[in-house]
C-alpha atoms as a PDB file:
ATOM      1  CA  MET A   1     -11.559 -11.796   4.108  1.00  0.00           C
ATOM      2  CA  ASN A   2     -10.027  -8.902   2.404  1.00  0.00           C
ATOM      3  CA  ARG A   3     -11.075  -8.821  -1.248  1.00  0.00           C
ATOM      4  CA  TYR A   4      -7.844  -7.787  -2.524  1.00  0.00           C
ATOM      5  CA  ILE A   5      -5.699 -10.648  -1.056  1.00  0.00           C
ATOM      6  CA  ALA A   6      -6.673 -13.584  -2.441  1.00  0.00           C
ATOM      7  CA  ASP A   7      -3.856 -15.652  -1.215  1.00  0.00           C
ATOM      8  CA  LEU A   8      -1.549 -14.703   1.726  1.00  0.00           C
ATOM      9  CA  SER A   9       1.090 -17.010   0.354  1.00  0.00           C
ATOM     10  CA  GLU A  10       1.458 -14.594  -2.672  1.00  0.00           C
ATOM     11  CA  LEU A  11       2.785 -11.681  -0.526  1.00  0.00           C
ATOM     12  CA  PRO A  12       6.553 -10.907  -0.165  1.00  0.00           C
ATOM     13  CA  ALA A  13       8.314 -11.976   2.982  1.00  0.00           C
ATOM     14  CA  ALA A  14       8.720  -9.044   5.672  1.00  0.00           C
ATOM     15  CA  GLU A  15      12.368  -9.335   5.063  1.00  0.00           C
ATOM     16  CA  ASP A  16      12.151  -8.844   1.362  1.00  0.00           C
ATOM     17  CA  ALA A  17       9.406  -6.109   1.884  1.00  0.00           C
ATOM     18  CA  GLN A  18      11.743  -4.298   4.217  1.00  0.00           C
ATOM     19  CA  ARG A  19      14.503  -4.268   1.615  1.00  0.00           C
ATOM     20  CA  ALA A  20      12.340  -2.601  -1.113  1.00  0.00           C
ATOM     21  CA  PHE A  21      11.041   0.250   1.225  1.00  0.00           C
ATOM     22  CA  LYS A  22      11.134   2.218   4.534  1.00  0.00           C
ATOM     23  CA  ALA A  23       7.877   1.676   6.243  1.00  0.00           C
ATOM     24  CA  THR A  24       7.906   5.568   6.779  1.00  0.00           C
ATOM     25  CA  ASP A  25       7.990   6.349   3.394  1.00  0.00           C
ATOM     26  CA  SER A  26       4.599   7.200   1.951  1.00  0.00           C
ATOM     27  CA  PRO A  27       3.562   5.375  -1.143  1.00  0.00           C
ATOM     28  CA  CYS A  28       1.852   8.479  -2.524  1.00  0.00           C
ATOM     29  CA  VAL A  29       3.148   9.090  -6.214  1.00  0.00           C
ATOM     30  CA  ALA A  30       0.752  12.489  -6.671  1.00  0.00           C
ATOM     31  CA  VAL A  31      -1.662  10.499  -8.557  1.00  0.00           C
ATOM     32  CA  CYS A  32      -4.543  10.669  -6.277  1.00  0.00           C
ATOM     33  CA  SER A  33      -7.771   9.338  -7.183  1.00  0.00           C
ATOM     34  CA  THR A  34     -10.690   7.469  -5.158  1.00  0.00           C
ATOM     35  CA  LEU A  35     -13.460   8.696  -7.501  1.00  0.00           C
ATOM     36  CA  PHE A  36     -14.787   5.380  -8.541  1.00  0.00           C
ATOM     37  CA  ASP A  37     -13.629   3.086  -5.811  1.00  0.00           C
ATOM     38  CA  ASP A  38     -12.207   3.643  -2.166  1.00  0.00           C
ATOM     39  CA  ILE A  39      -8.887   2.520  -3.405  1.00  0.00           C
ATOM     40  CA  CYS A  40      -6.588   5.219  -4.734  1.00  0.00           C
ATOM     41  CA  ARG A  41      -5.396   4.394  -7.998  1.00  0.00           C
ATOM     42  CA  GLY A  42      -1.995   5.835  -7.647  1.00  0.00           C
ATOM     43  CA  CYS A  43      -0.744   4.177  -4.496  1.00  0.00           C
ATOM     44  CA  GLY A  44      -3.129   1.595  -3.745  1.00  0.00           C
ATOM     45  CA  ARG A  45      -3.938   2.723  -0.295  1.00  0.00           C
ATOM     46  CA  THR A  46      -7.591   3.079   0.995  1.00  0.00           C
ATOM     47  CA  ALA A  47      -8.893   6.987   1.750  1.00  0.00           C
ATOM     48  CA  MET A  48      -8.759   5.804   5.572  1.00  0.00           C
ATOM     49  CA  GLU A  49      -5.083   4.589   5.026  1.00  0.00           C
ATOM     50  CA  VAL A  50      -4.208   7.673   3.300  1.00  0.00           C
ATOM     51  CA  ALA A  51      -5.681  10.117   6.039  1.00  0.00           C
ATOM     52  CA  ASN A  52      -4.202   8.000   8.638  1.00  0.00           C
ATOM     53  CA  TRP A  53      -0.817   7.351   7.471  1.00  0.00           C
ATOM     54  CA  VAL A  54       1.110   9.803   9.947  1.00  0.00           C
ATOM     55  CA  PHE A  55      -0.610   7.912  12.454  1.00  0.00           C
ATOM     56  CA  MET A  56       0.029   4.470  11.707  1.00  0.00           C
ATOM     57  CA  THR A  57       2.576   2.467  13.498  1.00  0.00           C
ATOM     58  CA  GLU A  58       5.561   0.966  11.602  1.00  0.00           C
ATOM     59  CA  GLU A  59       4.093  -2.481  11.313  1.00  0.00           C
ATOM     60  CA  GLU A  60       0.858  -1.167  10.108  1.00  0.00           C
ATOM     61  CA  LYS A  61       2.502   0.831   7.320  1.00  0.00           C
ATOM     62  CA  ARG A  62       4.810  -2.182   6.824  1.00  0.00           C
ATOM     63  CA  GLU A  63       1.498  -4.347   6.272  1.00  0.00           C
ATOM     64  CA  VAL A  64      -0.088  -1.773   3.732  1.00  0.00           C
ATOM     65  CA  TRP A  65       3.439  -1.803   1.894  1.00  0.00           C
ATOM     66  CA  VAL A  66       3.367  -5.456   1.718  1.00  0.00           C
ATOM     67  CA  ARG A  67      -0.229  -5.545   0.102  1.00  0.00           C
ATOM     68  CA  ILE A  68      -0.137  -2.654  -2.236  1.00  0.00           C
ATOM     69  CA  LYS A  69       3.382  -4.108  -3.593  1.00  0.00           C
ATOM     70  CA  ALA A  70       1.677  -7.395  -3.937  1.00  0.00           C
ATOM     71  CA  GLN A  71      -1.249  -5.527  -6.028  1.00  0.00           C
ATOM     72  CA  GLY A  72       1.036  -3.671  -8.300  1.00  0.00           C
ATOM     73  CA  TYR A  73       1.142  -0.303  -6.591  1.00  0.00           C
ATOM     74  CA  PRO A  74       2.046   2.176  -6.459  1.00  0.00           C
ATOM     75  CA  ARG A  75       1.649   2.953 -10.124  1.00  0.00           C
ATOM     76  CA  ARG A  76       3.752   5.925 -11.712  1.00  0.00           C
ATOM     77  CA  ASN A  77       3.046   7.769 -14.460  1.00  0.00           C
ATOM     78  CA  ASN A  78       6.389   8.165 -16.328  1.00  0.00           C
END
């Protein structure tokens, strides 16, 4: 079980997620930090997701976007 998703019913529907972003858009906010965890504190992606973003399919990117948005990412410093 994914340690970040407690209940899949909490995730937005795919149609709702698609309205909020384009799957090809990177969630990077240029606040990169995986120093204390495997998850970037800026965008919420794992180091492997960041490294492989350009190789991921649209569906894989959409799944990452749905997960990180449900977790409150990306976090921007305004």
